[in-house]
Amino acid sequence: MKIAVVGCGTMGRTHGAELARMPGVHLVGFCDIQEDAALLLSKAYETKAYSDFDQMLAEANPDIVDICLPTNLHKEYVLRAARKGKHIICEKPIAMAPEDAEEMIEECRKQGVRLFIGHVVRFFPSYADIRHKAEQGVVGRPGVLHARRMGGHPGLAKDWYNHSDISGGVILDLMIHDIDFAQSIFGKVDSVYAMHRKGEGLEYALVTLKFEGGEMAHLEGYWGYPGPFTTSAELAGSGGVIRFNSEESLSIRVCRKTEADSEGPTVAVPKSPTVHSPYYLELEHFIACLRSGLEPTVTATDALSALQIGLMAIESAATGRPVKMKEYRSKRKGEERQHVKH
């Protein structure tokens, strides 16, 4: 399976490292408009660097294009890859707007290619175990989820994170992981209520989701946290509680100064103590689904739904009022009809 990676920042490096050691996978190129970034990775993994996307598709002829670009570029490059008949792995969130995501999904269907969206939290062992235990009824009927995700501000390392029209901010870029996870347990969201605060070097959001079955999820996302990248989840049901905290799961901590410390701030990538990282498991799963034709654990439609909920949270925070899913969809349809008229 020939794979080319587009975007050589933090996620491009992360995906490249996992793909390079995966059996049955051949990395055929790295592409970035910053040619030095592509050259660095191409040398590390003994493949070719490109600064031109179309040239890479023509020369490297990948089976899969792995898109690790800023969110505002996802739509353009998914459509370009699909129209060349390439299967696609794309980092989350799927897009900046639901209509863009819908166009991406429809174009991939039309071109007969698969579109996989990287909601990697589904592949973290602790989260997968919580979901599995919920399905088994270990804590009875699940009713309330509390989830928290916090770390340093990535905008200190990459400026595009500071611009919500490019990254989507803390809700669409960070909290969307927990939005997707909550959906995977409780199903369809009925309403969203949110608070959002932004200041110098920090961005914080607190979001409450109410689901159609009456379940609730309380989600926190925090950029600018002074400690290490930390995640936690607590699922309460009619018969008990499941708790997970990434800091408590570490049996030993070693803090060492490294060369990276002197290079300035970097974008945090969550770690896992397992033999294969969740990014490896995610990419391996997507490739296996492509080979077998099976549906992935997280679908592009799931990713579209998570995006819609994130945008509802942003709207709620701006207005100070809850946003109902039915009203949100009705409003969207009205806007689409108005757009067609014009």
Protein backbone atom coordinates (compact mmCIF):
# COMPACT_ATOMS: atom_id res chain seq x y z
CA MET A 1 0.00 0.00 0.00
CA LYS A 2 1.70 3.19 -1.20
CA ILE A 3 1.06 6.22 1.02
CA ALA A 4 2.10 9.86 0.68
CA VAL A 5 1.87 12.35 3.56
CA VAL A 6 0.79 15.95 2.89
CA GLY A 7 1.76 18.43 5.59
CA CYS A 8 5.02 17.97 7.48
CA GLY A 9 4.21 19.60 10.81
CA THR A 10 3.54 17.82 14.09
CA MET A 11 0.91 15.40 12.77
CA GLY A 12 2.76 14.79 9.51
CA ARG A 13 5.83 13.76 11.50
CA THR A 14 3.71 11.61 13.82
CA HIS A 15 1.92 9.81 10.98
CA GLY A 16 5.13 9.43 8.99
CA ALA A 17 6.93 7.75 11.90
CA GLU A 18 4.10 5.22 12.38
CA LEU A 19 3.64 4.47 8.68
CA ALA A 20 7.38 3.95 8.20
CA ARG A 21 7.39 0.96 10.58
CA MET A 22 4.09 -0.58 9.46
CA PRO A 23 4.29 -3.88 7.53
CA GLY A 24 2.80 -3.79 4.05
CA VAL A 25 3.09 -0.01 3.79
CA HIS A 26 5.46 1.92 1.52
CA LEU A 27 5.96 5.65 2.12
CA VAL A 28 6.35 7.21 -1.32
CA GLY A 29 6.67 10.88 -0.43
CA PHE A 30 6.22 13.86 1.87
CA CYS A 31 4.72 17.08 0.56
CA ASP A 32 4.78 20.56 2.08
CA ILE A 33 4.96 24.07 0.66
CA GLN A 34 7.84 24.56 3.10
CA GLU A 35 10.26 22.38 1.19
CA ASP A 36 12.75 22.14 4.07
CA ALA A 37 10.13 20.42 6.23
CA ALA A 38 9.42 17.86 3.49
CA LEU A 39 13.14 17.29 2.88
CA LEU A 40 13.77 16.63 6.56
CA LEU A 41 11.18 13.85 6.71
CA SER A 42 12.01 12.41 3.31
CA LYS A 43 15.64 11.98 4.37
CA ALA A 44 14.65 10.41 7.68
CA TYR A 45 12.44 7.82 5.96
CA GLU A 46 14.39 7.45 2.71
CA THR A 47 11.72 8.68 0.34
CA LYS A 48 11.13 11.73 -1.84
CA ALA A 49 10.23 15.31 -0.90
CA TYR A 50 7.75 17.42 -2.84
CA SER A 51 6.57 21.00 -2.62
CA ASP A 52 3.97 20.55 -5.38
CA PHE A 53 0.92 18.39 -4.57
CA ASP A 54 -0.02 17.55 -8.18
CA GLN A 55 3.56 16.62 -9.01
CA MET A 56 3.63 14.26 -6.03
CA LEU A 57 0.39 12.57 -7.13
CA ALA A 58 1.69 12.15 -10.67
CA GLU A 59 5.20 10.92 -9.82
CA ALA A 60 4.71 8.99 -6.57
CA ASN A 61 1.26 7.65 -7.56
CA PRO A 62 0.14 6.84 -3.99
CA ASP A 63 -2.82 4.59 -3.20
CA ILE A 64 -3.59 6.73 -0.14
CA VAL A 65 -3.00 10.42 0.54
CA ASP A 66 -2.60 11.17 4.26
CA ILE A 67 -3.63 14.81 4.81
CA CYS A 68 -2.06 16.44 7.89
CA LEU A 69 -2.66 20.08 6.98
CA PRO A 70 -4.30 22.94 8.92
CA THR A 71 -8.07 22.47 9.12
CA ASN A 72 -8.98 25.22 6.65
CA LEU A 73 -7.08 23.32 3.91
CA HIS A 74 -8.75 19.92 4.44
CA LYS A 75 -11.57 20.46 1.95
CA GLU A 76 -9.35 21.64 -0.90
CA TYR A 77 -6.87 18.77 -0.64
CA VAL A 78 -9.45 16.06 0.00
CA LEU A 79 -11.30 17.12 -3.15
CA ARG A 80 -8.10 17.32 -5.19
CA ALA A 81 -6.97 13.87 -4.04
CA ALA A 82 -10.41 12.31 -4.57
CA ARG A 83 -10.62 13.65 -8.12
CA LYS A 84 -7.34 11.90 -8.86
CA GLY A 85 -8.81 8.62 -7.60
CA LYS A 86 -6.83 8.50 -4.35
CA HIS A 87 -8.13 7.12 -1.07
CA ILE A 88 -7.76 9.60 1.77
CA ILE A 89 -6.86 9.70 5.44
CA CYS A 90 -7.49 13.20 6.80
CA GLU A 91 -6.77 14.60 10.24
CA LYS A 92 -9.66 15.84 12.38
CA PRO A 93 -11.72 17.95 12.33
CA ILE A 94 -13.07 16.96 8.95
CA ALA A 95 -13.55 20.59 7.84
CA MET A 96 -14.42 24.08 9.03
CA ALA A 97 -18.08 23.99 7.96
CA PRO A 98 -20.71 21.21 7.62
CA GLU A 99 -21.41 22.06 3.98
CA ASP A 100 -17.69 21.61 3.21
CA ALA A 101 -17.66 18.24 5.00
CA GLU A 102 -20.79 17.14 3.13
CA GLU A 103 -19.18 18.11 -0.18
CA MET A 104 -16.04 16.14 0.72
CA ILE A 105 -18.03 13.03 1.66
CA GLU A 106 -20.17 13.24 -1.48
CA GLU A 107 -17.18 13.80 -3.79
CA CYS A 108 -15.35 10.79 -2.34
CA ARG A 109 -18.49 8.68 -2.81
CA LYS A 110 -18.85 9.94 -6.38
CA GLN A 111 -15.20 9.18 -7.19
CA GLY A 112 -15.36 5.73 -5.57
CA VAL A 113 -12.64 6.45 -2.98
CA ARG A 114 -12.65 6.03 0.80
CA LEU A 115 -12.42 8.93 3.24
CA PHE A 116 -11.14 8.24 6.76
CA ILE A 117 -11.04 10.98 9.44
CA GLY A 118 -8.42 10.77 12.21
CA HIS A 119 -10.40 10.93 15.47
CA VAL A 120 -7.57 9.11 17.21
CA VAL A 121 -9.06 9.09 20.73
CA ARG A 122 -11.23 6.15 19.65
CA PHE A 123 -7.96 4.19 19.42
CA PHE A 124 -6.52 5.10 22.82
CA PRO A 125 -6.76 1.87 24.88
CA SER A 126 -8.30 3.54 27.94
CA TYR A 127 -11.05 5.24 25.94
CA ALA A 128 -11.71 2.11 23.87
CA ASP A 129 -11.96 0.14 27.13
CA ILE A 130 -14.44 2.64 28.64
CA ARG A 131 -16.61 2.37 25.55
CA HIS A 132 -16.40 -1.43 25.55
CA LYS A 133 -17.35 -1.62 29.24
CA ALA A 134 -20.27 0.75 28.63
CA GLU A 135 -21.53 -1.51 25.82
CA GLN A 136 -21.20 -4.55 28.10
CA GLY A 137 -23.29 -2.87 30.80
CA VAL A 138 -20.50 -3.02 33.38
CA VAL A 139 -21.84 0.15 35.07
CA GLY A 140 -25.47 -0.44 34.21
CA ARG A 141 -27.14 2.09 31.94
CA PRO A 142 -24.62 4.89 31.21
CA GLY A 143 -26.02 8.31 32.05
CA VAL A 144 -23.33 10.96 32.57
CA LEU A 145 -19.88 11.49 31.08
CA HIS A 146 -17.32 14.00 32.35
CA ALA A 147 -14.29 14.44 30.07
CA ARG A 148 -11.37 16.85 30.25
CA ARG A 149 -8.54 17.55 27.79
CA MET A 150 -5.92 20.18 28.56
CA GLY A 151 -2.40 21.12 27.64
CA GLY A 152 -0.13 23.94 26.57
CA HIS A 153 -1.27 26.40 23.94
CA PRO A 154 -0.22 25.06 20.49
CA GLY A 155 -0.33 28.62 19.16
CA LEU A 156 2.98 29.26 20.89
CA ALA A 157 4.58 26.76 18.49
CA LYS A 158 2.41 27.17 15.37
CA ASP A 159 0.72 30.52 14.80
CA TRP A 160 -2.16 29.10 12.74
CA TYR A 161 -3.66 27.64 15.93
CA ASN A 162 -4.19 31.21 17.15
CA HIS A 163 -6.62 31.92 14.31
CA SER A 164 -10.01 30.29 14.85
CA ASP A 165 -10.90 30.69 11.16
CA ILE A 166 -8.01 28.33 10.36
CA SER A 167 -7.89 25.94 13.33
CA GLY A 168 -11.40 26.17 14.77
CA GLY A 169 -9.96 27.02 18.18
CA VAL A 170 -9.98 24.88 21.30
CA ILE A 171 -13.48 23.48 20.63
CA LEU A 172 -13.02 22.27 17.06
CA ASP A 173 -9.35 21.32 17.35
CA LEU A 174 -9.08 19.86 20.88
CA MET A 175 -12.47 19.23 22.46
CA ILE A 176 -13.81 17.64 19.27
CA HIS A 177 -12.03 14.45 20.37
CA ASP A 178 -14.29 14.22 23.41
CA ILE A 179 -17.37 15.28 21.45
CA ASP A 180 -16.80 12.32 19.14
CA PHE A 181 -16.12 10.01 22.09
CA ALA A 182 -19.32 11.09 23.86
CA GLN A 183 -21.32 10.47 20.68
CA SER A 184 -19.83 7.00 20.37
CA ILE A 185 -21.29 6.12 23.79
CA PHE A 186 -24.60 8.02 23.90
CA GLY A 187 -25.62 8.45 20.26
CA LYS A 188 -27.43 11.52 18.92
CA VAL A 189 -27.19 14.93 20.60
CA ASP A 190 -30.39 16.83 21.39
CA SER A 191 -28.97 20.16 22.65
CA VAL A 192 -25.70 21.95 23.40
CA TYR A 193 -24.87 24.61 26.00
CA ALA A 194 -21.39 26.14 26.19
CA MET A 195 -19.06 28.68 27.77
CA HIS A 196 -15.92 29.89 26.03
CA ARG A 197 -13.16 32.18 27.30
CA LYS A 198 -10.11 33.40 25.42
CA GLY A 199 -7.16 35.41 26.69
CA GLU A 200 -3.44 35.94 26.27
CA GLY A 201 -1.92 32.48 25.84
CA LEU A 202 -5.05 30.58 26.87
CA GLU A 203 -8.37 29.37 25.54
CA TYR A 204 -10.93 27.48 27.62
CA ALA A 205 -14.31 25.91 26.84
CA LEU A 206 -16.88 24.13 28.98
CA VAL A 207 -19.61 22.35 27.02
CA THR A 208 -22.68 20.41 28.16
CA LEU A 209 -24.30 18.00 25.71
CA LYS A 210 -27.76 16.58 26.26
CA PHE A 211 -28.53 13.46 24.25
CA GLU A 212 -31.82 12.21 22.82
CA GLY A 213 -31.96 9.44 25.44
CA GLY A 214 -31.59 11.94 28.28
CA GLU A 215 -27.88 11.25 28.91
CA MET A 216 -25.51 14.15 29.62
CA ALA A 217 -21.86 14.87 28.82
CA HIS A 218 -19.82 17.65 30.43
CA LEU A 219 -16.68 18.41 28.44
CA GLU A 220 -13.74 20.70 29.20
CA GLY A 221 -11.06 21.83 26.78
CA TYR A 222 -8.13 23.99 27.87
CA TRP A 223 -5.24 25.45 25.87
CA GLY A 224 -2.72 27.20 28.09
CA TYR A 225 -2.70 24.72 30.96
CA PRO A 226 0.65 25.14 32.78
CA GLY A 227 1.13 21.41 33.49
CA PRO A 228 1.70 18.42 31.19
CA PHE A 229 -0.86 17.38 28.59
CA THR A 230 -3.60 15.70 30.59
CA THR A 231 -6.83 13.90 29.74
CA SER A 232 -9.48 12.36 31.95
CA ALA A 233 -12.88 10.73 31.62
CA GLU A 234 -15.50 9.56 34.08
CA LEU A 235 -18.55 7.61 32.97
CA ALA A 236 -21.33 7.15 35.51
CA GLY A 237 -24.13 4.64 35.05
CA SER A 238 -27.03 3.21 37.01
CA GLY A 239 -24.71 0.56 38.48
CA GLY A 240 -21.36 2.25 38.99
CA VAL A 241 -18.64 4.56 37.70
CA ILE A 242 -15.63 4.13 35.38
CA ARG A 243 -12.78 6.59 35.89
CA PHE A 244 -9.65 7.34 33.89
CA ASN A 245 -6.98 10.02 34.36
CA SER A 246 -3.87 10.05 32.17
CA GLU A 247 -1.69 11.36 35.00
CA GLU A 248 -2.83 8.71 37.48
CA SER A 249 -2.20 5.94 34.94
CA LEU A 250 1.54 6.61 35.01
CA SER A 251 3.22 4.26 37.50
CA ILE A 252 6.54 6.11 37.23
CA ARG A 253 7.49 9.58 36.05
CA VAL A 254 10.86 10.62 34.71
CA CYS A 255 11.42 14.30 33.90
CA ARG A 256 14.53 15.04 31.87
CA LYS A 257 15.76 18.06 30.02
CA THR A 258 16.11 17.32 26.31
CA GLU A 259 17.37 19.13 23.25
CA ALA A 260 13.74 19.90 22.38
CA ASP A 261 13.48 22.02 25.54
CA SER A 262 15.95 24.49 24.08
CA GLU A 263 14.13 24.65 20.75
CA GLY A 264 11.14 26.48 22.17
CA PRO A 265 7.50 25.40 22.51
CA THR A 266 6.10 22.49 20.50
CA VAL A 267 2.63 21.17 19.76
CA ALA A 268 1.75 18.43 22.27
CA VAL A 269 0.95 14.96 20.97
CA PRO A 270 -0.80 12.69 23.51
CA LYS A 271 1.23 9.65 24.48
CA SER A 272 0.23 6.07 25.31
CA PRO A 273 2.26 3.37 27.13
CA THR A 274 1.18 0.61 24.72
CA VAL A 275 3.54 -1.17 22.30
CA HIS A 276 1.88 0.50 19.32
CA SER A 277 0.79 4.12 19.67
CA PRO A 278 -2.89 5.00 19.09
CA TYR A 279 -1.79 6.74 15.88
CA TYR A 280 -0.31 3.47 14.63
CA LEU A 281 -3.50 1.59 15.59
CA GLU A 282 -5.66 4.21 13.87
CA LEU A 283 -3.70 4.20 10.62
CA GLU A 284 -3.43 0.40 10.63
CA HIS A 285 -7.21 0.17 11.12
CA PHE A 286 -7.96 2.55 8.25
CA ILE A 287 -5.64 0.66 5.90
CA ALA A 288 -7.21 -2.68 6.95
CA CYS A 289 -10.68 -1.23 6.24
CA LEU A 290 -9.53 -0.12 2.81
CA ARG A 291 -8.19 -3.61 2.05
CA SER A 292 -11.28 -5.40 3.38
CA GLY A 293 -14.01 -2.94 2.42
CA LEU A 294 -15.31 -2.86 6.01
CA GLU A 295 -16.63 0.30 7.70
CA PRO A 296 -14.15 1.98 10.06
CA THR A 297 -14.69 2.42 13.81
CA VAL A 298 -15.16 6.13 13.20
CA THR A 299 -16.78 7.14 9.91
CA ALA A 300 -16.69 10.37 7.94
CA THR A 301 -20.35 10.83 8.91
CA ASP A 302 -19.35 10.56 12.59
CA ALA A 303 -16.77 13.27 11.94
CA LEU A 304 -19.38 15.49 10.27
CA SER A 305 -21.66 15.07 13.29
CA ALA A 306 -18.84 15.97 15.71
CA LEU A 307 -18.14 19.09 13.64
CA GLN A 308 -21.79 20.14 13.78
CA ILE A 309 -21.88 19.73 17.56
CA GLY A 310 -18.66 21.73 17.91
CA LEU A 311 -20.15 24.56 15.85
CA MET A 312 -23.31 24.43 17.95
CA ALA A 313 -21.12 24.84 21.05
CA ILE A 314 -19.41 27.88 19.51
CA GLU A 315 -22.81 29.39 18.71
CA SER A 316 -24.11 28.69 22.23
CA ALA A 317 -21.05 30.30 23.82
CA ALA A 318 -21.51 33.38 21.64
CA THR A 319 -25.23 33.79 22.40
CA GLY A 320 -25.31 32.50 25.98
CA ARG A 321 -28.23 30.22 25.12
CA PRO A 322 -28.58 26.47 24.54
CA VAL A 323 -28.72 25.37 20.91
CA LYS A 324 -31.18 22.61 19.98
CA MET A 325 -30.13 20.20 17.23
CA LYS A 326 -33.51 20.44 15.45
CA GLU A 327 -33.35 24.24 15.44
CA TYR A 328 -29.73 24.21 14.28
CA ARG A 329 -30.53 21.91 11.35
CA SER A 330 -33.63 23.93 10.44
CA LYS A 331 -31.59 27.12 10.46
CA ARG A 332 -28.94 25.52 8.24
CA LYS A 333 -31.54 24.35 5.72
CA GLY A 334 -32.99 27.84 5.62
CA GLU A 335 -29.56 29.34 4.97
CA GLU A 336 -28.90 26.80 2.22
CA ARG A 337 -32.23 27.62 0.51
CA GLN A 338 -31.42 31.33 0.74
CA HIS A 339 -27.98 30.69 -0.77
CA VAL A 340 -29.51 28.75 -3.68
CA LYS A 341 -31.96 31.62 -4.40
CA HIS A 342 -29.07 34.07 -4.67
